[in-house]
Amino acid sequence: MVAESTSGLVSSVAWDFGGKKSYVLEGNLNYTGAVVSWLKDQLGIISDSSEVEMIISQANPTDRAYFVSAFTGLGAPWWDSDATGLLTGITRTTGRAEVVKACSECIPYQVGDVVAALRKDTGLPIRELRVDGGPTRNGYLMQMQADVARLNVVTSSLAELSAAGAAFVAGRAVGVWSENVIYEQVNHVSFLSSMPDEMRKEKLDGWHAAVRQAMTHE
């Protein structure tokens, strides 16, 4: 049965095993992990993605800058192709580390909005999020993701699970691997949600105010 969304998500085919199709609700985000490349290649304020977590640790914790990475508009769940990129909330305390932090945090904020839409569409609590990709090497971002989305985040020892998954599926199809062997190939690290509700609400209110600014077409 095809899943349908009323909260800004997209229905997609997840996989087809033995002629049986499974469907998913998908949250397409326009610009997330590539923000780190922008910090390096366009702004020149980092030299490598591996240093982002260290730079964030130097940021003033009271700074309230927000960055909305709407370089090509906003995807799910907002779907606003005219939205523009935005750095807002800067103060006297905002410097290099604070900008890197704000730009990086737009990733878990956007994913958190998709998780909220999934909860609304499905009525399910969604207690765990399994993630892959370059930003999952950043422990600060993974903890931030767990906190703002109110769930446990599970990272993999394999950063690029999409490619590994395609290889595992192909191997399973020709009998090279069994499912049990595939599961044994990947180790996991979990990040548990621990942020107080009041702090989470304050951060999300600030984020959504920034998103509304980015969507103001004037």
N, C-alpha and C. Protein backbone atom coordinates (compact mmCIF):
# COMPACT_ATOMS: atom_id res chain seq x y z
N MET A 1 0.84 -1.20 0.00
CA MET A 1 0.00 0.00 0.00
C MET A 1 0.88 1.25 0.00
N VAL A 2 0.58 2.19 -0.89
CA VAL A 2 1.36 3.42 -1.00
C VAL A 2 1.04 4.33 0.18
N ALA A 3 2.10 4.80 0.84
CA ALA A 3 1.92 5.74 1.96
C ALA A 3 1.68 7.14 1.40
N GLU A 4 0.76 7.86 2.01
CA GLU A 4 0.46 9.22 1.58
C GLU A 4 0.70 10.19 2.73
N SER A 5 1.20 11.38 2.40
CA SER A 5 1.53 12.37 3.42
C SER A 5 0.62 13.58 3.33
N THR A 6 0.29 14.12 4.49
CA THR A 6 -0.42 15.40 4.56
C THR A 6 0.46 16.44 5.24
N SER A 7 1.74 16.10 5.44
CA SER A 7 2.64 16.97 6.19
C SER A 7 3.89 17.38 5.42
N GLY A 8 3.83 17.28 4.10
CA GLY A 8 4.95 17.76 3.29
C GLY A 8 6.00 16.73 2.95
N LEU A 9 5.67 15.44 3.08
CA LEU A 9 6.62 14.39 2.71
C LEU A 9 6.24 13.81 1.35
N VAL A 10 7.09 12.92 0.84
CA VAL A 10 6.90 12.35 -0.50
C VAL A 10 6.78 10.84 -0.39
N SER A 11 5.87 10.24 -1.15
CA SER A 11 5.73 8.79 -1.20
C SER A 11 6.72 8.21 -2.21
N SER A 12 7.45 7.18 -1.79
CA SER A 12 8.46 6.57 -2.67
C SER A 12 8.43 5.05 -2.50
N VAL A 13 8.98 4.35 -3.50
CA VAL A 13 9.19 2.91 -3.39
C VAL A 13 10.49 2.68 -2.63
N ALA A 14 10.44 1.90 -1.56
CA ALA A 14 11.65 1.62 -0.77
C ALA A 14 12.45 0.52 -1.43
N TRP A 15 11.81 -0.63 -1.71
CA TRP A 15 12.49 -1.75 -2.35
C TRP A 15 11.44 -2.71 -2.89
N ASP A 16 11.91 -3.65 -3.68
CA ASP A 16 11.06 -4.68 -4.27
C ASP A 16 11.80 -6.00 -4.14
N PHE A 17 11.36 -6.84 -3.21
CA PHE A 17 11.94 -8.17 -3.02
C PHE A 17 10.92 -9.21 -3.43
N GLY A 18 11.29 -10.05 -4.38
CA GLY A 18 10.41 -11.13 -4.78
C GLY A 18 9.08 -10.66 -5.31
N GLY A 19 9.07 -9.51 -5.98
CA GLY A 19 7.84 -8.98 -6.54
C GLY A 19 6.95 -8.27 -5.54
N LYS A 20 7.40 -8.17 -4.30
CA LYS A 20 6.62 -7.48 -3.27
C LYS A 20 7.24 -6.11 -2.99
N LYS A 21 6.50 -5.06 -3.30
CA LYS A 21 7.00 -3.70 -3.12
C LYS A 21 6.71 -3.19 -1.70
N SER A 22 7.68 -2.46 -1.17
CA SER A 22 7.49 -1.76 0.10
C SER A 22 7.63 -0.27 -0.16
N TYR A 23 6.80 0.51 0.49
CA TYR A 23 6.77 1.95 0.24
C TYR A 23 7.19 2.72 1.50
N VAL A 24 7.68 3.92 1.28
CA VAL A 24 8.13 4.76 2.39
C VAL A 24 7.62 6.19 2.20
N LEU A 25 7.64 6.92 3.30
CA LEU A 25 7.48 8.37 3.24
C LEU A 25 8.88 8.97 3.32
N GLU A 26 9.19 9.86 2.41
CA GLU A 26 10.55 10.38 2.27
C GLU A 26 10.57 11.90 2.47
N GLY A 27 11.57 12.37 3.19
CA GLY A 27 11.75 13.80 3.38
C GLY A 27 12.94 14.29 2.60
N ASN A 28 12.71 14.91 1.46
CA ASN A 28 13.79 15.37 0.59
C ASN A 28 14.29 16.73 1.04
N LEU A 29 15.56 16.80 1.45
CA LEU A 29 16.18 18.05 1.88
C LEU A 29 17.15 18.51 0.81
N ASN A 30 17.09 19.80 0.47
CA ASN A 30 17.88 20.31 -0.65
C ASN A 30 19.36 20.45 -0.36
N TYR A 31 19.71 20.85 0.84
CA TYR A 31 21.10 21.23 1.09
C TYR A 31 21.42 21.00 2.56
N THR A 32 22.05 19.86 2.87
CA THR A 32 22.38 19.55 4.27
C THR A 32 23.88 19.36 4.43
N GLY A 33 24.36 18.13 4.19
CA GLY A 33 25.78 17.87 4.36
C GLY A 33 26.68 18.74 3.52
N ALA A 34 26.18 19.20 2.38
CA ALA A 34 26.98 20.06 1.50
C ALA A 34 27.26 21.42 2.11
N VAL A 35 26.58 21.76 3.20
CA VAL A 35 26.87 23.02 3.90
C VAL A 35 28.33 23.04 4.35
N VAL A 36 28.84 21.90 4.77
CA VAL A 36 30.24 21.82 5.21
C VAL A 36 31.18 22.14 4.05
N SER A 37 30.85 21.66 2.86
CA SER A 37 31.65 21.98 1.67
C SER A 37 31.60 23.47 1.38
N TRP A 38 30.45 24.09 1.60
CA TRP A 38 30.31 25.54 1.39
C TRP A 38 31.19 26.31 2.37
N LEU A 39 31.23 25.88 3.62
CA LEU A 39 32.10 26.52 4.61
C LEU A 39 33.56 26.45 4.18
N LYS A 40 33.93 25.36 3.56
CA LYS A 40 35.32 25.16 3.14
C LYS A 40 35.63 25.85 1.82
N ASP A 41 34.80 25.63 0.81
CA ASP A 41 35.13 26.08 -0.54
C ASP A 41 34.73 27.51 -0.84
N GLN A 42 33.59 27.96 -0.31
CA GLN A 42 33.13 29.32 -0.59
C GLN A 42 33.55 30.32 0.49
N LEU A 43 33.39 29.97 1.74
CA LEU A 43 33.74 30.90 2.81
C LEU A 43 35.20 30.79 3.23
N GLY A 44 35.78 29.61 3.08
CA GLY A 44 37.18 29.43 3.44
C GLY A 44 37.46 29.52 4.93
N ILE A 45 36.46 29.21 5.78
CA ILE A 45 36.68 29.33 7.22
C ILE A 45 36.98 27.98 7.89
N ILE A 46 36.96 26.90 7.10
CA ILE A 46 37.50 25.62 7.57
C ILE A 46 38.37 25.07 6.46
N SER A 47 39.32 24.24 6.82
CA SER A 47 40.20 23.64 5.81
C SER A 47 39.81 22.20 5.50
N ASP A 48 39.07 21.57 6.42
CA ASP A 48 38.66 20.18 6.20
C ASP A 48 37.45 19.88 7.08
N SER A 49 36.58 19.01 6.61
CA SER A 49 35.37 18.70 7.37
C SER A 49 35.68 18.05 8.71
N SER A 50 36.84 17.42 8.82
CA SER A 50 37.19 16.72 10.05
C SER A 50 37.41 17.67 11.23
N GLU A 51 37.61 18.96 10.96
CA GLU A 51 37.87 19.91 12.04
C GLU A 51 36.61 20.61 12.55
N VAL A 52 35.47 20.34 11.92
CA VAL A 52 34.24 21.05 12.28
C VAL A 52 33.86 20.83 13.74
N GLU A 53 33.90 19.59 14.21
CA GLU A 53 33.50 19.32 15.59
C GLU A 53 34.39 20.05 16.58
N MET A 54 35.68 20.10 16.31
CA MET A 54 36.61 20.80 17.19
C MET A 54 36.32 22.29 17.22
N ILE A 55 36.03 22.87 16.05
CA ILE A 55 35.72 24.31 15.98
C ILE A 55 34.43 24.61 16.74
N ILE A 56 33.43 23.75 16.58
CA ILE A 56 32.16 23.94 17.29
C ILE A 56 32.39 23.96 18.80
N SER A 57 33.30 23.14 19.29
CA SER A 57 33.56 23.07 20.73
C SER A 57 34.10 24.39 21.28
N GLN A 58 34.59 25.26 20.39
CA GLN A 58 35.14 26.55 20.80
C GLN A 58 34.10 27.67 20.76
N ALA A 59 32.89 27.36 20.29
CA ALA A 59 31.85 28.39 20.14
C ALA A 59 31.30 28.81 21.50
N ASN A 60 30.88 30.06 21.56
CA ASN A 60 30.23 30.59 22.77
C ASN A 60 28.86 29.92 22.92
N PRO A 61 28.62 29.19 24.00
CA PRO A 61 27.35 28.47 24.14
C PRO A 61 26.12 29.38 24.25
N THR A 62 26.34 30.66 24.55
CA THR A 62 25.20 31.58 24.67
C THR A 62 24.82 32.22 23.34
N ASP A 63 25.64 32.01 22.30
CA ASP A 63 25.35 32.61 20.99
C ASP A 63 24.10 31.97 20.40
N ARG A 64 23.25 32.76 19.79
CA ARG A 64 21.97 32.27 19.27
C ARG A 64 21.83 32.50 17.77
N ALA A 65 22.92 32.36 17.05
CA ALA A 65 22.87 32.49 15.59
C ALA A 65 22.23 31.25 14.98
N TYR A 66 21.45 31.46 13.92
CA TYR A 66 20.83 30.36 13.17
C TYR A 66 21.16 30.55 11.69
N PHE A 67 21.34 29.42 11.01
CA PHE A 67 21.61 29.45 9.57
C PHE A 67 20.61 28.56 8.87
N VAL A 68 19.99 29.08 7.82
CA VAL A 68 19.05 28.31 7.00
C VAL A 68 19.69 28.11 5.63
N SER A 69 19.97 26.86 5.28
CA SER A 69 20.73 26.57 4.06
C SER A 69 19.84 26.47 2.83
N ALA A 70 19.04 27.50 2.60
CA ALA A 70 18.10 27.49 1.47
C ALA A 70 18.76 28.04 0.21
N PHE A 71 19.92 27.50 -0.15
CA PHE A 71 20.61 27.97 -1.35
C PHE A 71 19.80 27.69 -2.61
N THR A 72 19.06 26.61 -2.60
CA THR A 72 18.21 26.25 -3.74
C THR A 72 16.76 26.10 -3.28
N GLY A 73 16.34 26.97 -2.37
CA GLY A 73 15.01 26.87 -1.79
C GLY A 73 14.99 25.86 -0.65
N LEU A 74 13.81 25.62 -0.11
CA LEU A 74 13.63 24.66 0.97
C LEU A 74 12.85 23.46 0.49
N GLY A 75 13.30 22.27 0.88
CA GLY A 75 12.60 21.04 0.56
C GLY A 75 11.62 20.68 1.65
N ALA A 76 11.50 19.38 1.91
CA ALA A 76 10.54 18.90 2.91
C ALA A 76 10.88 19.45 4.30
N PRO A 77 9.84 19.73 5.09
CA PRO A 77 8.42 19.67 4.74
C PRO A 77 7.86 21.01 4.27
N TRP A 78 8.75 21.96 3.94
CA TRP A 78 8.31 23.32 3.63
C TRP A 78 7.98 23.54 2.15
N TRP A 79 8.80 22.97 1.27
CA TRP A 79 8.60 23.08 -0.17
C TRP A 79 8.39 24.52 -0.63
N ASP A 80 9.44 25.30 -0.48
CA ASP A 80 9.42 26.69 -0.92
C ASP A 80 10.65 26.94 -1.79
N SER A 81 10.46 26.91 -3.10
CA SER A 81 11.59 27.07 -4.02
C SER A 81 12.13 28.49 -4.04
N ASP A 82 11.36 29.44 -3.50
CA ASP A 82 11.80 30.84 -3.50
C ASP A 82 12.49 31.25 -2.20
N ALA A 83 12.54 30.36 -1.23
CA ALA A 83 13.23 30.67 0.03
C ALA A 83 14.71 30.90 -0.25
N THR A 84 15.33 31.75 0.55
CA THR A 84 16.74 32.08 0.35
C THR A 84 17.55 31.77 1.60
N GLY A 85 18.84 31.52 1.40
CA GLY A 85 19.74 31.24 2.52
C GLY A 85 19.79 32.41 3.49
N LEU A 86 20.00 32.11 4.77
CA LEU A 86 19.89 33.15 5.78
C LEU A 86 20.76 32.82 7.00
N LEU A 87 21.52 33.83 7.46
CA LEU A 87 22.21 33.76 8.74
C LEU A 87 21.60 34.85 9.61
N THR A 88 20.98 34.48 10.71
CA THR A 88 20.26 35.44 11.53
C THR A 88 20.60 35.25 13.01
N GLY A 89 20.31 36.26 13.81
CA GLY A 89 20.55 36.17 15.24
C GLY A 89 21.99 36.44 15.64
N ILE A 90 22.79 37.01 14.72
CA ILE A 90 24.19 37.27 15.06
C ILE A 90 24.29 38.44 16.04
N THR A 91 25.27 38.34 16.92
CA THR A 91 25.51 39.38 17.93
C THR A 91 27.01 39.62 18.01
N ARG A 92 27.40 40.38 19.02
CA ARG A 92 28.82 40.69 19.25
C ARG A 92 29.63 39.42 19.53
N THR A 93 28.96 38.38 20.00
CA THR A 93 29.67 37.13 20.33
C THR A 93 29.85 36.22 19.12
N THR A 94 29.22 36.56 17.99
CA THR A 94 29.25 35.68 16.82
C THR A 94 30.56 35.84 16.05
N GLY A 95 31.33 34.78 16.00
CA GLY A 95 32.58 34.77 15.24
C GLY A 95 32.68 33.51 14.40
N ARG A 96 33.88 33.15 14.01
CA ARG A 96 34.09 31.99 13.14
C ARG A 96 33.47 30.72 13.72
N ALA A 97 33.77 30.41 14.98
CA ALA A 97 33.28 29.17 15.58
C ALA A 97 31.75 29.16 15.64
N GLU A 98 31.16 30.31 15.95
CA GLU A 98 29.71 30.39 16.07
C GLU A 98 29.03 30.24 14.70
N VAL A 99 29.66 30.77 13.65
CA VAL A 99 29.11 30.61 12.30
C VAL A 99 29.19 29.15 11.87
N VAL A 100 30.32 28.50 12.12
CA VAL A 100 30.47 27.08 11.79
C VAL A 100 29.42 26.27 12.55
N LYS A 101 29.21 26.59 13.80
CA LYS A 101 28.21 25.88 14.62
C LYS A 101 26.81 26.08 14.06
N ALA A 102 26.44 27.32 13.75
CA ALA A 102 25.10 27.60 13.23
C ALA A 102 24.87 26.89 11.90
N CYS A 103 25.87 26.94 11.02
CA CYS A 103 25.74 26.29 9.71
C CYS A 103 25.61 24.78 9.86
N SER A 104 26.36 24.20 10.78
CA SER A 104 26.30 22.75 10.99
C SER A 104 24.97 22.34 11.60
N GLU A 105 24.46 23.14 12.52
CA GLU A 105 23.23 22.78 13.22
C GLU A 105 22.00 22.81 12.32
N CYS A 106 22.09 23.47 11.17
CA CYS A 106 20.93 23.47 10.28
C CYS A 106 20.63 22.06 9.78
N ILE A 107 21.62 21.16 9.83
CA ILE A 107 21.40 19.77 9.41
C ILE A 107 20.45 19.06 10.37
N PRO A 108 20.78 18.96 11.67
CA PRO A 108 19.83 18.28 12.57
C PRO A 108 18.49 18.99 12.70
N TYR A 109 18.47 20.31 12.57
CA TYR A 109 17.18 21.01 12.63
C TYR A 109 16.28 20.58 11.47
N GLN A 110 16.83 20.53 10.26
CA GLN A 110 16.03 20.15 9.10
C GLN A 110 15.56 18.70 9.20
N VAL A 111 16.46 17.82 9.60
CA VAL A 111 16.08 16.41 9.76
C VAL A 111 15.02 16.29 10.85
N GLY A 112 15.15 17.08 11.90
CA GLY A 112 14.15 17.06 12.97
C GLY A 112 12.77 17.46 12.48
N ASP A 113 12.70 18.42 11.56
CA ASP A 113 11.41 18.82 10.99
C ASP A 113 10.79 17.67 10.20
N VAL A 114 11.63 16.91 9.50
CA VAL A 114 11.12 15.76 8.75
C VAL A 114 10.61 14.68 9.71
N VAL A 115 11.35 14.44 10.79
CA VAL A 115 10.90 13.46 11.79
C VAL A 115 9.56 13.87 12.38
N ALA A 116 9.40 15.16 12.67
CA ALA A 116 8.12 15.65 13.20
C ALA A 116 6.99 15.41 12.21
N ALA A 117 7.27 15.62 10.92
CA ALA A 117 6.25 15.36 9.89
C ALA A 117 5.92 13.88 9.82
N LEU A 118 6.92 13.02 9.95
CA LEU A 118 6.68 11.57 9.94
C LEU A 118 5.80 11.15 11.11
N ARG A 119 6.08 11.71 12.27
CA ARG A 119 5.26 11.39 13.44
C ARG A 119 3.81 11.81 13.22
N LYS A 120 3.64 12.97 12.62
CA LYS A 120 2.28 13.47 12.38
C LYS A 120 1.56 12.61 11.36
N ASP A 121 2.24 12.22 10.29
CA ASP A 121 1.61 11.42 9.24
C ASP A 121 1.28 10.00 9.69
N THR A 122 2.19 9.39 10.43
CA THR A 122 2.05 7.97 10.77
C THR A 122 1.38 7.73 12.12
N GLY A 123 1.43 8.73 13.00
CA GLY A 123 0.92 8.51 14.34
C GLY A 123 1.81 7.64 15.19
N LEU A 124 3.01 7.34 14.69
CA LEU A 124 3.96 6.50 15.41
C LEU A 124 4.92 7.36 16.23
N PRO A 125 5.43 6.87 17.34
CA PRO A 125 6.32 7.68 18.18
C PRO A 125 7.69 7.94 17.57
N ILE A 126 8.20 7.01 16.75
CA ILE A 126 9.53 7.11 16.13
C ILE A 126 10.59 7.40 17.19
N ARG A 127 11.11 6.36 17.77
CA ARG A 127 12.05 6.49 18.89
C ARG A 127 13.51 6.36 18.47
N GLU A 128 13.75 5.94 17.22
CA GLU A 128 15.14 5.72 16.79
C GLU A 128 15.34 6.17 15.35
N LEU A 129 16.49 6.76 15.09
CA LEU A 129 16.85 7.21 13.75
C LEU A 129 18.21 6.63 13.40
N ARG A 130 18.29 5.88 12.31
CA ARG A 130 19.56 5.30 11.85
C ARG A 130 20.09 6.15 10.71
N VAL A 131 21.34 6.56 10.82
CA VAL A 131 21.87 7.58 9.91
C VAL A 131 23.19 7.13 9.28
N ASP A 132 23.47 7.71 8.11
CA ASP A 132 24.77 7.49 7.48
C ASP A 132 25.19 8.77 6.77
N GLY A 133 26.36 8.76 6.15
CA GLY A 133 26.87 9.94 5.47
C GLY A 133 27.97 10.62 6.27
N GLY A 134 28.69 11.52 5.61
CA GLY A 134 29.83 12.19 6.22
C GLY A 134 29.55 12.87 7.55
N PRO A 135 28.46 13.64 7.69
CA PRO A 135 28.19 14.34 8.95
C PRO A 135 28.01 13.42 10.15
N THR A 136 27.76 12.12 9.92
CA THR A 136 27.58 11.21 11.05
C THR A 136 28.89 10.96 11.80
N ARG A 137 30.01 11.38 11.23
CA ARG A 137 31.30 11.27 11.94
C ARG A 137 31.42 12.35 13.02
N ASN A 138 30.52 13.31 13.00
CA ASN A 138 30.57 14.44 13.93
C ASN A 138 29.69 14.13 15.15
N GLY A 139 30.34 13.82 16.28
CA GLY A 139 29.59 13.44 17.47
C GLY A 139 28.69 14.53 18.00
N TYR A 140 29.14 15.79 17.89
CA TYR A 140 28.30 16.90 18.36
C TYR A 140 26.99 16.96 17.57
N LEU A 141 27.08 16.84 16.25
CA LEU A 141 25.86 16.91 15.43
C LEU A 141 24.92 15.75 15.71
N MET A 142 25.48 14.56 15.93
CA MET A 142 24.62 13.40 16.20
C MET A 142 23.91 13.55 17.55
N GLN A 143 24.60 14.11 18.55
CA GLN A 143 23.94 14.36 19.82
C GLN A 143 22.87 15.44 19.66
N MET A 144 23.19 16.47 18.88
CA MET A 144 22.22 17.54 18.60
C MET A 144 20.99 16.95 17.90
N GLN A 145 21.23 16.03 16.95
CA GLN A 145 20.12 15.40 16.25
C GLN A 145 19.22 14.63 17.21
N ALA A 146 19.83 13.87 18.09
CA ALA A 146 19.06 13.12 19.07
C ALA A 146 18.23 14.04 19.95
N ASP A 147 18.83 15.17 20.34
CA ASP A 147 18.16 16.09 21.26
C ASP A 147 17.00 16.84 20.60
N VAL A 148 17.22 17.41 19.41
CA VAL A 148 16.16 18.23 18.81
C VAL A 148 15.02 17.38 18.26
N ALA A 149 15.31 16.12 17.88
CA ALA A 149 14.26 15.26 17.33
C ALA A 149 13.63 14.34 18.38
N ARG A 150 14.15 14.38 19.61
CA ARG A 150 13.61 13.59 20.72
C ARG A 150 13.60 12.10 20.39
N LEU A 151 14.76 11.58 20.00
CA LEU A 151 14.88 10.16 19.72
C LEU A 151 16.34 9.74 19.87
N ASN A 152 16.58 8.44 19.78
CA ASN A 152 17.94 7.94 19.81
C ASN A 152 18.49 7.86 18.39
N VAL A 153 19.69 8.34 18.19
CA VAL A 153 20.34 8.33 16.88
C VAL A 153 21.39 7.24 16.86
N VAL A 154 21.35 6.39 15.84
CA VAL A 154 22.29 5.28 15.73
C VAL A 154 23.14 5.48 14.49
N THR A 155 24.45 5.61 14.70
CA THR A 155 25.38 5.76 13.59
C THR A 155 26.05 4.42 13.30
N SER A 156 26.63 4.33 12.13
CA SER A 156 27.26 3.08 11.69
C SER A 156 28.76 3.24 11.55
N SER A 157 29.48 2.14 11.67
CA SER A 157 30.91 2.15 11.42
C SER A 157 31.21 2.39 9.95
N LEU A 158 30.21 2.18 9.09
CA LEU A 158 30.33 2.47 7.66
C LEU A 158 29.64 3.80 7.40
N ALA A 159 30.41 4.81 7.01
CA ALA A 159 29.83 6.15 6.83
C ALA A 159 28.82 6.19 5.69
N GLU A 160 29.09 5.45 4.61
CA GLU A 160 28.22 5.51 3.42
C GLU A 160 27.41 4.22 3.32
N LEU A 161 26.34 4.13 4.08
CA LEU A 161 25.54 2.92 4.11
C LEU A 161 24.72 2.72 2.83
N SER A 162 24.43 3.80 2.10
CA SER A 162 23.65 3.65 0.87
C SER A 162 24.40 2.76 -0.13
N ALA A 163 25.69 3.04 -0.31
CA ALA A 163 26.50 2.22 -1.23
C ALA A 163 26.67 0.81 -0.68
N ALA A 164 26.92 0.70 0.62
CA ALA A 164 27.08 -0.63 1.23
C ALA A 164 25.78 -1.42 1.12
N GLY A 165 24.65 -0.74 1.32
CA GLY A 165 23.36 -1.42 1.23
C GLY A 165 23.10 -1.99 -0.15
N ALA A 166 23.45 -1.23 -1.20
CA ALA A 166 23.29 -1.73 -2.57
C ALA A 166 24.13 -2.98 -2.79
N ALA A 167 25.36 -2.96 -2.25
CA ALA A 167 26.24 -4.12 -2.39
C ALA A 167 25.69 -5.32 -1.62
N PHE A 168 25.17 -5.08 -0.42
CA PHE A 168 24.62 -6.16 0.38
C PHE A 168 23.40 -6.78 -0.29
N VAL A 169 22.53 -5.93 -0.84
CA VAL A 169 21.33 -6.43 -1.51
C VAL A 169 21.70 -7.28 -2.72
N ALA A 170 22.69 -6.80 -3.50
CA ALA A 170 23.14 -7.56 -4.67
C ALA A 170 23.73 -8.90 -4.23
N GLY A 171 24.54 -8.88 -3.17
CA GLY A 171 25.14 -10.11 -2.67
C GLY A 171 24.11 -11.09 -2.14
N ARG A 172 23.10 -10.56 -1.48
CA ARG A 172 22.03 -11.41 -0.96
C ARG A 172 21.24 -12.05 -2.10
N ALA A 173 21.02 -11.27 -3.17
CA ALA A 173 20.23 -11.76 -4.30
C ALA A 173 20.89 -12.96 -4.99
N VAL A 174 22.23 -12.98 -5.02
CA VAL A 174 22.94 -14.08 -5.69
C VAL A 174 23.46 -15.11 -4.70
N GLY A 175 23.07 -14.97 -3.44
CA GLY A 175 23.42 -15.98 -2.45
C GLY A 175 24.80 -15.87 -1.85
N VAL A 176 25.47 -14.73 -2.04
CA VAL A 176 26.81 -14.56 -1.48
C VAL A 176 26.74 -14.38 0.03
N TRP A 177 25.74 -13.60 0.50
CA TRP A 177 25.58 -13.34 1.93
C TRP A 177 24.17 -13.69 2.38
N SER A 178 24.07 -14.08 3.62
CA SER A 178 22.76 -14.20 4.26
C SER A 178 22.50 -12.91 5.03
N GLU A 179 21.27 -12.69 5.45
CA GLU A 179 20.95 -11.48 6.19
C GLU A 179 21.75 -11.39 7.49
N ASN A 180 21.94 -12.52 8.17
CA ASN A 180 22.69 -12.51 9.43
C ASN A 180 24.12 -12.06 9.22
N VAL A 181 24.75 -12.51 8.15
CA VAL A 181 26.12 -12.12 7.86
C VAL A 181 26.19 -10.62 7.57
N ILE A 182 25.23 -10.11 6.83
CA ILE A 182 25.19 -8.68 6.51
C ILE A 182 25.12 -7.85 7.79
N TYR A 183 24.23 -8.24 8.70
CA TYR A 183 24.07 -7.48 9.94
C TYR A 183 25.34 -7.47 10.77
N GLU A 184 26.12 -8.55 10.67
CA GLU A 184 27.36 -8.65 11.45
C GLU A 184 28.47 -7.76 10.91
N GLN A 185 28.31 -7.23 9.70
CA GLN A 185 29.35 -6.42 9.08
C GLN A 185 29.39 -4.99 9.61
N VAL A 186 28.35 -4.59 10.31
CA VAL A 186 28.21 -3.18 10.71
C VAL A 186 28.14 -3.05 12.23
N ASN A 187 29.00 -2.20 12.78
CA ASN A 187 28.95 -1.87 14.20
C ASN A 187 28.25 -0.52 14.37
N HIS A 188 27.62 -0.33 15.51
CA HIS A 188 26.83 0.88 15.72
C HIS A 188 27.21 1.62 17.00
N VAL A 189 26.99 2.94 16.97
CA VAL A 189 27.14 3.78 18.15
C VAL A 189 25.83 4.55 18.32
N SER A 190 25.31 4.61 19.54
CA SER A 190 24.03 5.27 19.79
C SER A 190 24.22 6.59 20.55
N PHE A 191 23.42 7.58 20.18
CA PHE A 191 23.36 8.87 20.87
C PHE A 191 21.95 9.01 21.43
N LEU A 192 21.85 9.19 22.74
CA LEU A 192 20.56 9.22 23.41
C LEU A 192 20.10 10.66 23.65
N SER A 193 18.83 10.90 23.41
CA SER A 193 18.27 12.24 23.63
C SER A 193 18.31 12.58 25.12
N SER A 194 18.86 13.76 25.44
CA SER A 194 19.01 14.14 26.85
C SER A 194 18.71 15.62 27.11
N MET A 195 18.35 16.37 26.09
CA MET A 195 18.12 17.81 26.25
C MET A 195 16.81 18.06 27.00
N PRO A 196 16.80 18.95 27.99
CA PRO A 196 15.55 19.30 28.68
C PRO A 196 14.52 19.86 27.70
N ASP A 197 13.25 19.58 27.94
CA ASP A 197 12.18 20.00 27.04
C ASP A 197 12.16 21.52 26.83
N GLU A 198 12.38 22.27 27.89
CA GLU A 198 12.33 23.73 27.78
C GLU A 198 13.43 24.25 26.86
N MET A 199 14.62 23.69 26.97
CA MET A 199 15.73 24.10 26.11
C MET A 199 15.46 23.71 24.66
N ARG A 200 14.91 22.50 24.46
CA ARG A 200 14.59 22.05 23.10
C ARG A 200 13.58 22.99 22.45
N LYS A 201 12.54 23.34 23.19
CA LYS A 201 11.52 24.24 22.66
C LYS A 201 12.12 25.59 22.29
N GLU A 202 12.99 26.12 23.13
CA GLU A 202 13.61 27.41 22.86
C GLU A 202 14.43 27.36 21.58
N LYS A 203 15.20 26.30 21.41
CA LYS A 203 16.03 26.16 20.22
C LYS A 203 15.18 25.99 18.96
N LEU A 204 14.15 25.16 19.05
CA LEU A 204 13.29 24.93 17.89
C LEU A 204 12.48 26.18 17.53
N ASP A 205 12.04 26.93 18.53
CA ASP A 205 11.34 28.18 18.25
C ASP A 205 12.24 29.14 17.48
N GLY A 206 13.51 29.22 17.89
CA GLY A 206 14.46 30.08 17.19
C GLY A 206 14.71 29.61 15.77
N TRP A 207 14.81 28.29 15.60
CA TRP A 207 15.02 27.73 14.26
C TRP A 207 13.83 28.01 13.35
N HIS A 208 12.64 27.78 13.83
CA HIS A 208 11.46 27.98 12.99
C HIS A 208 11.24 29.45 12.67
N ALA A 209 11.63 30.33 13.58
CA ALA A 209 11.57 31.77 13.28
C ALA A 209 12.53 32.10 12.14
N ALA A 210 13.71 31.48 12.14
CA ALA A 210 14.68 31.70 11.07
C ALA A 210 14.16 31.16 9.74
N VAL A 211 13.51 30.00 9.77
CA VAL A 211 12.92 29.43 8.55
C VAL A 211 11.86 30.36 7.98
N ARG A 212 11.02 30.91 8.85
CA ARG A 212 9.99 31.85 8.37
C ARG A 212 10.62 33.08 7.73
N GLN A 213 11.74 33.56 8.29
CA GLN A 213 12.44 34.68 7.68
C GLN A 213 12.94 34.31 6.29
N ALA A 214 13.50 33.11 6.15
CA ALA A 214 14.02 32.67 4.86
C ALA A 214 12.92 32.54 3.82
N MET A 215 11.69 32.33 4.28
CA MET A 215 10.55 32.16 3.38
C MET A 215 9.80 33.46 3.13
N THR A 216 10.31 34.56 3.66
CA THR A 216 9.68 35.87 3.42
C THR A 216 10.17 36.41 2.09
N HIS A 217 9.30 36.46 1.11
CA HIS A 217 9.68 36.83 -0.26
C HIS A 217 9.43 38.32 -0.49
N GLU A 218 10.35 39.11 -0.04
CA GLU A 218 10.19 40.56 -0.22
C GLU A 218 11.47 41.14 -0.81
